[in-house]
All heavy atoms as atom14 arrays in JSON, in Angstrom:
{
  "sequence": "IHSLKRRATKATRAVPIPPVLVFMLREHIRQFGVAPDGRLFRNA",
  "atom14_mask": [
    [1, 1, 1, 1, 1, 1, 1, 1, 0, 0, 0, 0, 0, 0],
    [1, 1, 1, 1, 1, 1, 1, 1, 1, 1, 0, 0, 0, 0],
    [1, 1, 1, 1, 1, 1, 0, 0, 0, 0, 0, 0, 0, 0],
    [1, 1, 1, 1, 1, 1, 1, 1, 0, 0, 0, 0, 0, 0],
    [1, 1, 1, 1, 1, 1, 1, 1, 1, 0, 0, 0, 0, 0],
    [1, 1, 1, 1, 1, 1, 1, 1, 1, 1, 1, 0, 0, 0],
    [1, 1, 1, 1, 1, 1, 1, 1, 1, 1, 1, 0, 0, 0],
    [1, 1, 1, 1, 1, 0, 0, 0, 0, 0, 0, 0, 0, 0],
    [1, 1, 1, 1, 1, 1, 1, 0, 0, 0, 0, 0, 0, 0],
    [1, 1, 1, 1, 1, 1, 1, 1, 1, 0, 0, 0, 0, 0],
    [1, 1, 1, 1, 1, 0, 0, 0, 0, 0, 0, 0, 0, 0],
    [1, 1, 1, 1, 1, 1, 1, 0, 0, 0, 0, 0, 0, 0],
    [1, 1, 1, 1, 1, 1, 1, 1, 1, 1, 1, 0, 0, 0],
    [1, 1, 1, 1, 1, 0, 0, 0, 0, 0, 0, 0, 0, 0],
    [1, 1, 1, 1, 1, 1, 1, 0, 0, 0, 0, 0, 0, 0],
    [1, 1, 1, 1, 1, 1, 1, 0, 0, 0, 0, 0, 0, 0],
    [1, 1, 1, 1, 1, 1, 1, 1, 0, 0, 0, 0, 0, 0],
    [1, 1, 1, 1, 1, 1, 1, 0, 0, 0, 0, 0, 0, 0],
    [1, 1, 1, 1, 1, 1, 1, 0, 0, 0, 0, 0, 0, 0],
    [1, 1, 1, 1, 1, 1, 1, 0, 0, 0, 0, 0, 0, 0],
    [1, 1, 1, 1, 1, 1, 1, 1, 0, 0, 0, 0, 0, 0],
    [1, 1, 1, 1, 1, 1, 1, 0, 0, 0, 0, 0, 0, 0],
    [1, 1, 1, 1, 1, 1, 1, 1, 1, 1, 1, 0, 0, 0],
    [1, 1, 1, 1, 1, 1, 1, 1, 0, 0, 0, 0, 0, 0],
    [1, 1, 1, 1, 1, 1, 1, 1, 0, 0, 0, 0, 0, 0],
    [1, 1, 1, 1, 1, 1, 1, 1, 1, 1, 1, 0, 0, 0],
    [1, 1, 1, 1, 1, 1, 1, 1, 1, 0, 0, 0, 0, 0],
    [1, 1, 1, 1, 1, 1, 1, 1, 1, 1, 0, 0, 0, 0],
    [1, 1, 1, 1, 1, 1, 1, 1, 0, 0, 0, 0, 0, 0],
    [1, 1, 1, 1, 1, 1, 1, 1, 1, 1, 1, 0, 0, 0],
    [1, 1, 1, 1, 1, 1, 1, 1, 1, 0, 0, 0, 0, 0],
    [1, 1, 1, 1, 1, 1, 1, 1, 1, 1, 1, 0, 0, 0],
    [1, 1, 1, 1, 0, 0, 0, 0, 0, 0, 0, 0, 0, 0],
    [1, 1, 1, 1, 1, 1, 1, 0, 0, 0, 0, 0, 0, 0],
    [1, 1, 1, 1, 1, 0, 0, 0, 0, 0, 0, 0, 0, 0],
    [1, 1, 1, 1, 1, 1, 1, 0, 0, 0, 0, 0, 0, 0],
    [1, 1, 1, 1, 1, 1, 1, 1, 0, 0, 0, 0, 0, 0],
    [1, 1, 1, 1, 0, 0, 0, 0, 0, 0, 0, 0, 0, 0],
    [1, 1, 1, 1, 1, 1, 1, 1, 1, 1, 1, 0, 0, 0],
    [1, 1, 1, 1, 1, 1, 1, 1, 0, 0, 0, 0, 0, 0],
    [1, 1, 1, 1, 1, 1, 1, 1, 1, 1, 1, 0, 0, 0],
    [1, 1, 1, 1, 1, 1, 1, 1, 1, 1, 1, 0, 0, 0],
    [1, 1, 1, 1, 1, 1, 1, 1, 0, 0, 0, 0, 0, 0],
    [1, 1, 1, 1, 1, 0, 0, 0, 0, 0, 0, 0, 0, 0]
  ],
  "atom14_positions": [
    [[0.73, 13.99, 7.94], [1.46, 13.21, 6.99], [2.97, 13.53, 7.14], [3.37, 14.7, 7.0], [0.99, 13.46, 5.57], [-0.48, 13.13, 5.41], [1.83, 12.72, 4.54], [-1.1, 13.44, 4.16], [0.0, 0.0, 0.0], [0.0, 0.0, 0.0], [0.0, 0.0, 0.0], [0.0, 0.0, 0.0], [0.0, 0.0, 0.0], [0.0, 0.0, 0.0]],
    [[3.77, 12.51, 7.42], [5.19, 12.64, 7.51], [5.81, 11.27, 7.31], [5.17, 10.32, 7.28], [5.62, 13.31, 8.84], [5.15, 12.56, 10.04], [5.82, 11.41, 10.48], [4.12, 12.72, 10.86], [5.16, 10.96, 11.57], [4.14, 11.73, 11.83], [0.0, 0.0, 0.0], [0.0, 0.0, 0.0], [0.0, 0.0, 0.0], [0.0, 0.0, 0.0]],
    [[7.16, 11.35, 7.17], [7.86, 10.04, 6.92], [7.96, 9.22, 8.19], [7.65, 9.72, 9.3], [9.24, 10.35, 6.42], [10.0, 11.12, 7.34], [0.0, 0.0, 0.0], [0.0, 0.0, 0.0], [0.0, 0.0, 0.0], [0.0, 0.0, 0.0], [0.0, 0.0, 0.0], [0.0, 0.0, 0.0], [0.0, 0.0, 0.0], [0.0, 0.0, 0.0]],
    [[8.35, 8.01, 8.02], [8.5, 7.16, 9.17], [9.67, 7.63, 10.03], [10.57, 8.34, 9.45], [8.83, 5.68, 8.76], [7.71, 4.97, 8.01], [8.21, 3.67, 7.42], [6.56, 4.71, 8.95], [0.0, 0.0, 0.0], [0.0, 0.0, 0.0], [0.0, 0.0, 0.0], [0.0, 0.0, 0.0], [0.0, 0.0, 0.0], [0.0, 0.0, 0.0]],
    [[9.69, 7.32, 11.25], [10.79, 7.77, 12.12], [12.16, 7.44, 11.57], [12.4, 6.39, 11.15], [10.64, 7.12, 13.58], [9.45, 7.58, 14.29], [9.53, 7.04, 15.71], [8.71, 5.81, 15.83], [8.63, 5.32, 17.2], [0.0, 0.0, 0.0], [0.0, 0.0, 0.0], [0.0, 0.0, 0.0], [0.0, 0.0, 0.0], [0.0, 0.0, 0.0]],
    [[12.98, 8.49, 11.57], [14.38, 8.36, 11.18], [14.52, 7.86, 9.78], [15.56, 7.13, 9.42], [15.17, 7.6, 12.16], [15.23, 8.22, 13.52], [15.98, 7.44, 14.53], [15.39, 6.11, 14.89], [14.39, 5.91, 15.78], [13.87, 6.93, 16.38], [13.88, 4.76, 15.99], [0.0, 0.0, 0.0], [0.0, 0.0, 0.0], [0.0, 0.0, 0.0]],
    [[13.61, 8.03, 8.84], [13.7, 7.55, 7.51], [13.52, 8.76, 6.56], [12.86, 9.72, 6.84], [12.6, 6.57, 7.14], [12.78, 5.24, 7.93], [11.66, 4.27, 7.46], [11.74, 3.09, 8.28], [12.32, 1.97, 7.97], [12.95, 1.81, 6.86], [12.21, 0.87, 8.77], [0.0, 0.0, 0.0], [0.0, 0.0, 0.0], [0.0, 0.0, 0.0]],
    [[14.15, 8.6, 5.39], [13.96, 9.65, 4.37], [12.49, 9.74, 3.93], [11.81, 8.8, 4.02], [14.88, 9.33, 3.15], [0.0, 0.0, 0.0], [0.0, 0.0, 0.0], [0.0, 0.0, 0.0], [0.0, 0.0, 0.0], [0.0, 0.0, 0.0], [0.0, 0.0, 0.0], [0.0, 0.0, 0.0], [0.0, 0.0, 0.0], [0.0, 0.0, 0.0]],
    [[12.12, 10.89, 3.45], [10.71, 11.14, 3.06], [10.19, 10.1, 2.08], [9.07, 9.62, 2.25], [10.55, 12.52, 2.45], [11.09, 13.5, 3.39], [9.15, 12.84, 2.12], [0.0, 0.0, 0.0], [0.0, 0.0, 0.0], [0.0, 0.0, 0.0], [0.0, 0.0, 0.0], [0.0, 0.0, 0.0], [0.0, 0.0, 0.0], [0.0, 0.0, 0.0]],
    [[10.89, 9.73, 1.09], [10.43, 8.73, 0.07], [10.93, 7.32, 0.38], [10.81, 6.49, -0.5], [10.92, 9.25, -1.27], [10.42, 10.57, -1.74], [9.02, 10.43, -2.24], [8.58, 11.79, -2.74], [7.27, 11.77, -3.34], [0.0, 0.0, 0.0], [0.0, 0.0, 0.0], [0.0, 0.0, 0.0], [0.0, 0.0, 0.0], [0.0, 0.0, 0.0]],
    [[11.45, 7.01, 1.57], [11.99, 5.7, 1.83], [10.91, 4.72, 1.82], [9.78, 4.98, 2.19], [12.63, 5.73, 3.2], [0.0, 0.0, 0.0], [0.0, 0.0, 0.0], [0.0, 0.0, 0.0], [0.0, 0.0, 0.0], [0.0, 0.0, 0.0], [0.0, 0.0, 0.0], [0.0, 0.0, 0.0], [0.0, 0.0, 0.0], [0.0, 0.0, 0.0]],
    [[11.18, 3.48, 1.38], [10.25, 2.4, 1.45], [10.93, 1.24, 2.2], [12.16, 1.27, 2.45], [9.9, 1.91, -0.01], [11.09, 1.47, -0.65], [9.21, 3.06, -0.75], [0.0, 0.0, 0.0], [0.0, 0.0, 0.0], [0.0, 0.0, 0.0], [0.0, 0.0, 0.0], [0.0, 0.0, 0.0], [0.0, 0.0, 0.0], [0.0, 0.0, 0.0]],
    [[10.19, 0.25, 2.47], [10.75, -0.98, 3.11], [9.97, -2.15, 2.59], [8.78, -2.12, 2.4], [10.73, -0.89, 4.64], [9.42, -0.73, 5.21], [9.48, -0.64, 6.72], [8.08, -0.47, 7.24], [7.79, -0.4, 8.51], [8.78, -0.55, 9.37], [6.57, -0.32, 8.87], [0.0, 0.0, 0.0], [0.0, 0.0, 0.0], [0.0, 0.0, 0.0]],
    [[10.66, -3.22, 2.42], [10.07, -4.5, 1.99], [9.36, -5.14, 3.22], [9.98, -5.25, 4.29], [11.09, -5.45, 1.38], [0.0, 0.0, 0.0], [0.0, 0.0, 0.0], [0.0, 0.0, 0.0], [0.0, 0.0, 0.0], [0.0, 0.0, 0.0], [0.0, 0.0, 0.0], [0.0, 0.0, 0.0], [0.0, 0.0, 0.0], [0.0, 0.0, 0.0]],
    [[8.14, -5.62, 3.01], [7.44, -6.32, 4.09], [6.96, -7.63, 3.48], [6.13, -7.65, 2.63], [6.27, -5.49, 4.62], [5.5, -6.24, 5.67], [6.71, -4.17, 5.14], [0.0, 0.0, 0.0], [0.0, 0.0, 0.0], [0.0, 0.0, 0.0], [0.0, 0.0, 0.0], [0.0, 0.0, 0.0], [0.0, 0.0, 0.0], [0.0, 0.0, 0.0]],
    [[7.52, -8.75, 3.96], [7.1, -10.04, 3.37], [5.69, -10.4, 3.84], [5.31, -10.21, 4.98], [8.11, -11.03, 3.9], [8.63, -10.39, 5.11], [8.6, -8.9, 4.88], [0.0, 0.0, 0.0], [0.0, 0.0, 0.0], [0.0, 0.0, 0.0], [0.0, 0.0, 0.0], [0.0, 0.0, 0.0], [0.0, 0.0, 0.0], [0.0, 0.0, 0.0]],
    [[4.88, -10.83, 2.86], [3.5, -11.24, 3.21], [3.25, -12.59, 2.5], [3.87, -12.89, 1.45], [2.47, -10.21, 2.78], [2.53, -9.93, 1.3], [2.63, -8.99, 3.63], [1.45, -8.99, 0.8], [0.0, 0.0, 0.0], [0.0, 0.0, 0.0], [0.0, 0.0, 0.0], [0.0, 0.0, 0.0], [0.0, 0.0, 0.0], [0.0, 0.0, 0.0]],
    [[2.31, -13.37, 2.98], [1.95, -14.68, 2.37], [1.38, -14.47, 1.0], [0.67, -13.52, 0.71], [0.89, -15.25, 3.34], [0.98, -14.48, 4.59], [1.52, -13.11, 4.23], [0.0, 0.0, 0.0], [0.0, 0.0, 0.0], [0.0, 0.0, 0.0], [0.0, 0.0, 0.0], [0.0, 0.0, 0.0], [0.0, 0.0, 0.0], [0.0, 0.0, 0.0]],
    [[1.65, -15.39, 0.06], [1.13, -15.33, -1.28], [-0.39, -15.13, -1.39], [-0.88, -14.42, -2.24], [1.55, -16.68, -1.92], [2.75, -17.1, -1.14], [2.49, -16.65, 0.29], [0.0, 0.0, 0.0], [0.0, 0.0, 0.0], [0.0, 0.0, 0.0], [0.0, 0.0, 0.0], [0.0, 0.0, 0.0], [0.0, 0.0, 0.0], [0.0, 0.0, 0.0]],
    [[-1.14, -15.77, -0.52], [-2.56, -15.6, -0.47], [-3.0, -14.1, -0.29], [-3.94, -13.59, -0.88], [-3.32, -16.53, 0.45], [-3.03, -16.15, 1.9], [-4.8, -16.53, 0.21], [0.0, 0.0, 0.0], [0.0, 0.0, 0.0], [0.0, 0.0, 0.0], [0.0, 0.0, 0.0], [0.0, 0.0, 0.0], [0.0, 0.0, 0.0], [0.0, 0.0, 0.0]],
    [[-2.24, -13.44, 0.56], [-2.57, -12.0, 0.83], [-2.09, -11.16, -0.36], [-2.81, -10.21, -0.74], [-1.78, -11.53, 2.1], [-2.01, -10.1, 2.46], [-3.51, -9.77, 2.57], [-1.29, -9.73, 3.75], [0.0, 0.0, 0.0], [0.0, 0.0, 0.0], [0.0, 0.0, 0.0], [0.0, 0.0, 0.0], [0.0, 0.0, 0.0], [0.0, 0.0, 0.0]],
    [[-1.01, -11.5, -1.06], [-0.6, -10.83, -2.27], [-1.76, -10.93, -3.33], [-2.18, -9.92, -3.96], [0.66, -11.38, -2.9], [0.97, -10.85, -4.25], [1.83, -11.15, -1.93], [0.0, 0.0, 0.0], [0.0, 0.0, 0.0], [0.0, 0.0, 0.0], [0.0, 0.0, 0.0], [0.0, 0.0, 0.0], [0.0, 0.0, 0.0], [0.0, 0.0, 0.0]],
    [[-2.35, -12.13, -3.45], [-3.45, -12.32, -4.36], [-4.63, -11.43, -4.04], [-5.23, -10.81, -4.87], [-3.84, -13.8, -4.41], [-5.06, -14.05, -5.21], [-4.98, -14.09, -6.59], [-6.32, -14.18, -4.63], [-6.1, -14.35, -7.39], [-7.47, -14.35, -5.38], [-7.32, -14.41, -6.78], [0.0, 0.0, 0.0], [0.0, 0.0, 0.0], [0.0, 0.0, 0.0]],
    [[-4.96, -11.37, -2.73], [-6.08, -10.58, -2.26], [-5.9, -9.13, -2.52], [-6.79, -8.37, -2.99], [-6.37, -10.89, -0.81], [-6.86, -12.25, -0.46], [-6.88, -12.69, 1.31], [-8.04, -11.48, 1.86], [0.0, 0.0, 0.0], [0.0, 0.0, 0.0], [0.0, 0.0, 0.0], [0.0, 0.0, 0.0], [0.0, 0.0, 0.0], [0.0, 0.0, 0.0]],
    [[-4.7, -8.66, -2.26], [-4.4, -7.23, -2.48], [-4.46, -6.9, -3.91], [-4.95, -5.85, -4.32], [-3.01, -6.9, -1.88], [-2.96, -6.87, -0.33], [-1.56, -6.71, 0.2], [-3.89, -5.82, 0.28], [0.0, 0.0, 0.0], [0.0, 0.0, 0.0], [0.0, 0.0, 0.0], [0.0, 0.0, 0.0], [0.0, 0.0, 0.0], [0.0, 0.0, 0.0]],
    [[-3.91, -7.79, -4.75], [-3.88, -7.44, -6.23], [-5.32, -7.51, -6.76], [-5.64, -6.67, -7.63], [-3.03, -8.5, -6.95], [-1.53, -8.25, -6.79], [-0.69, -9.17, -7.5], [0.72, -8.88, -7.33], [1.7, -9.7, -7.56], [1.46, -10.96, -7.93], [2.97, -9.34, -7.4], [0.0, 0.0, 0.0], [0.0, 0.0, 0.0], [0.0, 0.0, 0.0]],
    [[-6.13, -8.36, -6.25], [-7.56, -8.39, -6.65], [-8.27, -7.12, -6.25], [-9.07, -6.55, -6.97], [-8.29, -9.63, -6.02], [-8.4, -10.83, -6.84], [-8.95, -10.54, -8.26], [-10.13, -10.16, -8.48], [-8.19, -10.72, -9.16], [0.0, 0.0, 0.0], [0.0, 0.0, 0.0], [0.0, 0.0, 0.0], [0.0, 0.0, 0.0], [0.0, 0.0, 0.0]],
    [[-7.96, -6.68, -5.02], [-8.57, -5.41, -4.51], [-8.15, -4.25, -5.39], [-9.03, -3.42, -5.8], [-8.16, -5.2, -3.03], [-8.7, -3.9, -2.48], [-9.93, -3.83, -1.89], [-8.17, -2.65, -2.49], [-10.12, -2.61, -1.55], [-9.07, -1.88, -1.87], [0.0, 0.0, 0.0], [0.0, 0.0, 0.0], [0.0, 0.0, 0.0], [0.0, 0.0, 0.0]],
    [[-6.91, -4.18, -5.75], [-6.44, -3.07, -6.61], [-7.02, -3.18, -8.01], [-7.44, -2.21, -8.61], [-4.87, -3.09, -6.7], [-4.28, -2.75, -5.29], [-4.35, -2.12, -7.78], [-2.78, -2.97, -5.2], [0.0, 0.0, 0.0], [0.0, 0.0, 0.0], [0.0, 0.0, 0.0], [0.0, 0.0, 0.0], [0.0, 0.0, 0.0], [0.0, 0.0, 0.0]],
    [[-7.14, -4.39, -8.54], [-7.77, -4.55, -9.84], [-9.18, -4.1, -9.86], [-9.66, -3.41, -10.75], [-7.71, -6.01, -10.25], [-8.23, -6.3, -11.7], [-8.39, -7.74, -11.96], [-9.44, -8.41, -11.15], [-10.7, -8.23, -11.23], [-11.21, -7.4, -12.13], [-11.54, -8.89, -10.41], [0.0, 0.0, 0.0], [0.0, 0.0, 0.0], [0.0, 0.0, 0.0]],
    [[-9.93, -4.4, -8.75], [-11.35, -4.04, -8.7], [-11.57, -2.61, -8.3], [-12.49, -1.97, -8.86], [-12.03, -4.99, -7.65], [-13.56, -4.84, -7.6], [-14.23, -5.86, -6.72], [-13.59, -6.72, -6.17], [-15.53, -5.71, -6.6], [0.0, 0.0, 0.0], [0.0, 0.0, 0.0], [0.0, 0.0, 0.0], [0.0, 0.0, 0.0], [0.0, 0.0, 0.0]],
    [[-10.79, -2.06, -7.38], [-11.09, -0.73, -6.79], [-10.05, 0.29, -7.18], [-10.27, 1.52, -6.93], [-11.26, -0.8, -5.29], [-12.37, -1.68, -4.82], [-12.1, -2.96, -4.34], [-13.63, -1.3, -4.99], [-13.14, -3.81, -3.93], [-14.72, -2.16, -4.6], [-14.42, -3.44, -4.09], [0.0, 0.0, 0.0], [0.0, 0.0, 0.0], [0.0, 0.0, 0.0]],
    [[-8.88, -0.12, -7.63], [-7.8, 0.84, -7.89], [-7.21, 1.38, -6.63], [-7.49, 0.85, -5.52], [0.0, 0.0, 0.0], [0.0, 0.0, 0.0], [0.0, 0.0, 0.0], [0.0, 0.0, 0.0], [0.0, 0.0, 0.0], [0.0, 0.0, 0.0], [0.0, 0.0, 0.0], [0.0, 0.0, 0.0], [0.0, 0.0, 0.0], [0.0, 0.0, 0.0]],
    [[-6.42, 2.41, -6.68], [-5.87, 3.06, -5.52], [-6.26, 4.56, -5.55], [-6.61, 5.08, -6.62], [-4.37, 2.87, -5.48], [-3.9, 1.52, -5.34], [-3.68, 3.52, -6.68], [0.0, 0.0, 0.0], [0.0, 0.0, 0.0], [0.0, 0.0, 0.0], [0.0, 0.0, 0.0], [0.0, 0.0, 0.0], [0.0, 0.0, 0.0], [0.0, 0.0, 0.0]],
    [[-6.1, 5.23, -4.47], [-6.35, 6.66, -4.4], [-5.3, 7.41, -5.22], [-4.25, 6.87, -5.36], [-6.4, 7.1, -2.92], [0.0, 0.0, 0.0], [0.0, 0.0, 0.0], [0.0, 0.0, 0.0], [0.0, 0.0, 0.0], [0.0, 0.0, 0.0], [0.0, 0.0, 0.0], [0.0, 0.0, 0.0], [0.0, 0.0, 0.0], [0.0, 0.0, 0.0]],
    [[-5.61, 8.67, -5.59], [-4.64, 9.41, -6.35], [-3.23, 9.54, -5.63], [-2.25, 9.64, -6.29], [-5.28, 10.8, -6.49], [-6.76, 10.51, -6.49], [-6.86, 9.32, -5.46], [0.0, 0.0, 0.0], [0.0, 0.0, 0.0], [0.0, 0.0, 0.0], [0.0, 0.0, 0.0], [0.0, 0.0, 0.0], [0.0, 0.0, 0.0], [0.0, 0.0, 0.0]],
    [[-3.28, 9.59, -4.32], [-2.0, 9.63, -3.58], [-1.34, 8.24, -3.27], [-0.38, 8.13, -2.62], [-2.19, 10.41, -2.28], [-3.11, 9.69, -1.25], [-3.61, 8.58, -1.55], [-3.28, 10.25, -0.21], [0.0, 0.0, 0.0], [0.0, 0.0, 0.0], [0.0, 0.0, 0.0], [0.0, 0.0, 0.0], [0.0, 0.0, 0.0], [0.0, 0.0, 0.0]],
    [[-1.98, 7.15, -3.87], [-1.4, 5.86, -3.71], [-1.94, 5.03, -2.58], [-1.66, 3.85, -2.47], [0.0, 0.0, 0.0], [0.0, 0.0, 0.0], [0.0, 0.0, 0.0], [0.0, 0.0, 0.0], [0.0, 0.0, 0.0], [0.0, 0.0, 0.0], [0.0, 0.0, 0.0], [0.0, 0.0, 0.0], [0.0, 0.0, 0.0], [0.0, 0.0, 0.0]],
    [[-2.81, 5.6, -1.74], [-3.36, 4.84, -0.63], [-4.22, 3.66, -1.19], [-4.88, 3.8, -2.15], [-4.21, 5.65, 0.29], [-3.44, 6.52, 1.17], [-4.3, 7.42, 2.04], [-4.99, 8.37, 1.19], [-6.29, 8.44, 1.03], [-7.1, 7.61, 1.67], [-6.86, 9.37, 0.23], [0.0, 0.0, 0.0], [0.0, 0.0, 0.0], [0.0, 0.0, 0.0]],
    [[-4.17, 2.54, -0.52], [-4.96, 1.35, -0.98], [-6.34, 1.4, -0.5], [-7.28, 1.1, -1.27], [-4.25, 0.12, -0.42], [-4.76, -1.24, -0.87], [-4.71, -1.36, -2.39], [-4.03, -2.33, -0.19], [0.0, 0.0, 0.0], [0.0, 0.0, 0.0], [0.0, 0.0, 0.0], [0.0, 0.0, 0.0], [0.0, 0.0, 0.0], [0.0, 0.0, 0.0]],
    [[-6.61, 1.85, 0.68], [-7.98, 1.87, 1.23], [-8.4, 3.33, 1.49], [-7.66, 4.14, 1.95], [-8.08, 1.02, 2.53], [-7.7, -0.38, 2.32], [-6.49, -0.84, 2.82], [-8.53, -1.21, 1.62], [-6.06, -2.16, 2.62], [-8.15, -2.55, 1.42], [-6.93, -3.02, 1.92], [0.0, 0.0, 0.0], [0.0, 0.0, 0.0], [0.0, 0.0, 0.0]],
    [[-9.65, 3.67, 1.14], [-10.18, 5.02, 1.32], [-11.69, 4.91, 1.45], [-12.28, 3.9, 1.17], [-9.81, 5.91, 0.15], [-10.35, 5.37, -1.17], [-9.57, 5.95, -2.32], [-10.03, 5.5, -3.6], [-9.6, 4.33, -4.17], [-8.74, 3.57, -3.56], [-10.08, 4.02, -5.36], [0.0, 0.0, 0.0], [0.0, 0.0, 0.0], [0.0, 0.0, 0.0]],
    [[-12.32, 6.01, 1.97], [-13.76, 5.95, 2.15], [-14.5, 6.24, 0.89], [-13.85, 6.44, -0.14], [-14.21, 6.91, 3.27], [-13.94, 8.34, 2.97], [-13.69, 8.7, 1.83], [-13.96, 9.19, 3.99], [0.0, 0.0, 0.0], [0.0, 0.0, 0.0], [0.0, 0.0, 0.0], [0.0, 0.0, 0.0], [0.0, 0.0, 0.0], [0.0, 0.0, 0.0]],
    [[-15.77, 6.26, 0.88], [-16.54, 6.43, -0.39], [-16.27, 7.82, -1.04], [-16.4, 7.91, -2.25], [-18.06, 6.37, -0.05], [0.0, 0.0, 0.0], [0.0, 0.0, 0.0], [0.0, 0.0, 0.0], [0.0, 0.0, 0.0], [0.0, 0.0, 0.0], [0.0, 0.0, 0.0], [0.0, 0.0, 0.0], [0.0, 0.0, 0.0], [0.0, 0.0, 0.0]]
  ]
}
């Protein structure tokens, strides 16, 4: 685990995605939540 190349440890970046994908991701988070460290997908 480390930051992205040449970026600050807590740096973020905006990534544009289609509205339908936003809906799918929000539904996934509503149904399954996120891991304690913020990851969206994790194993059982």
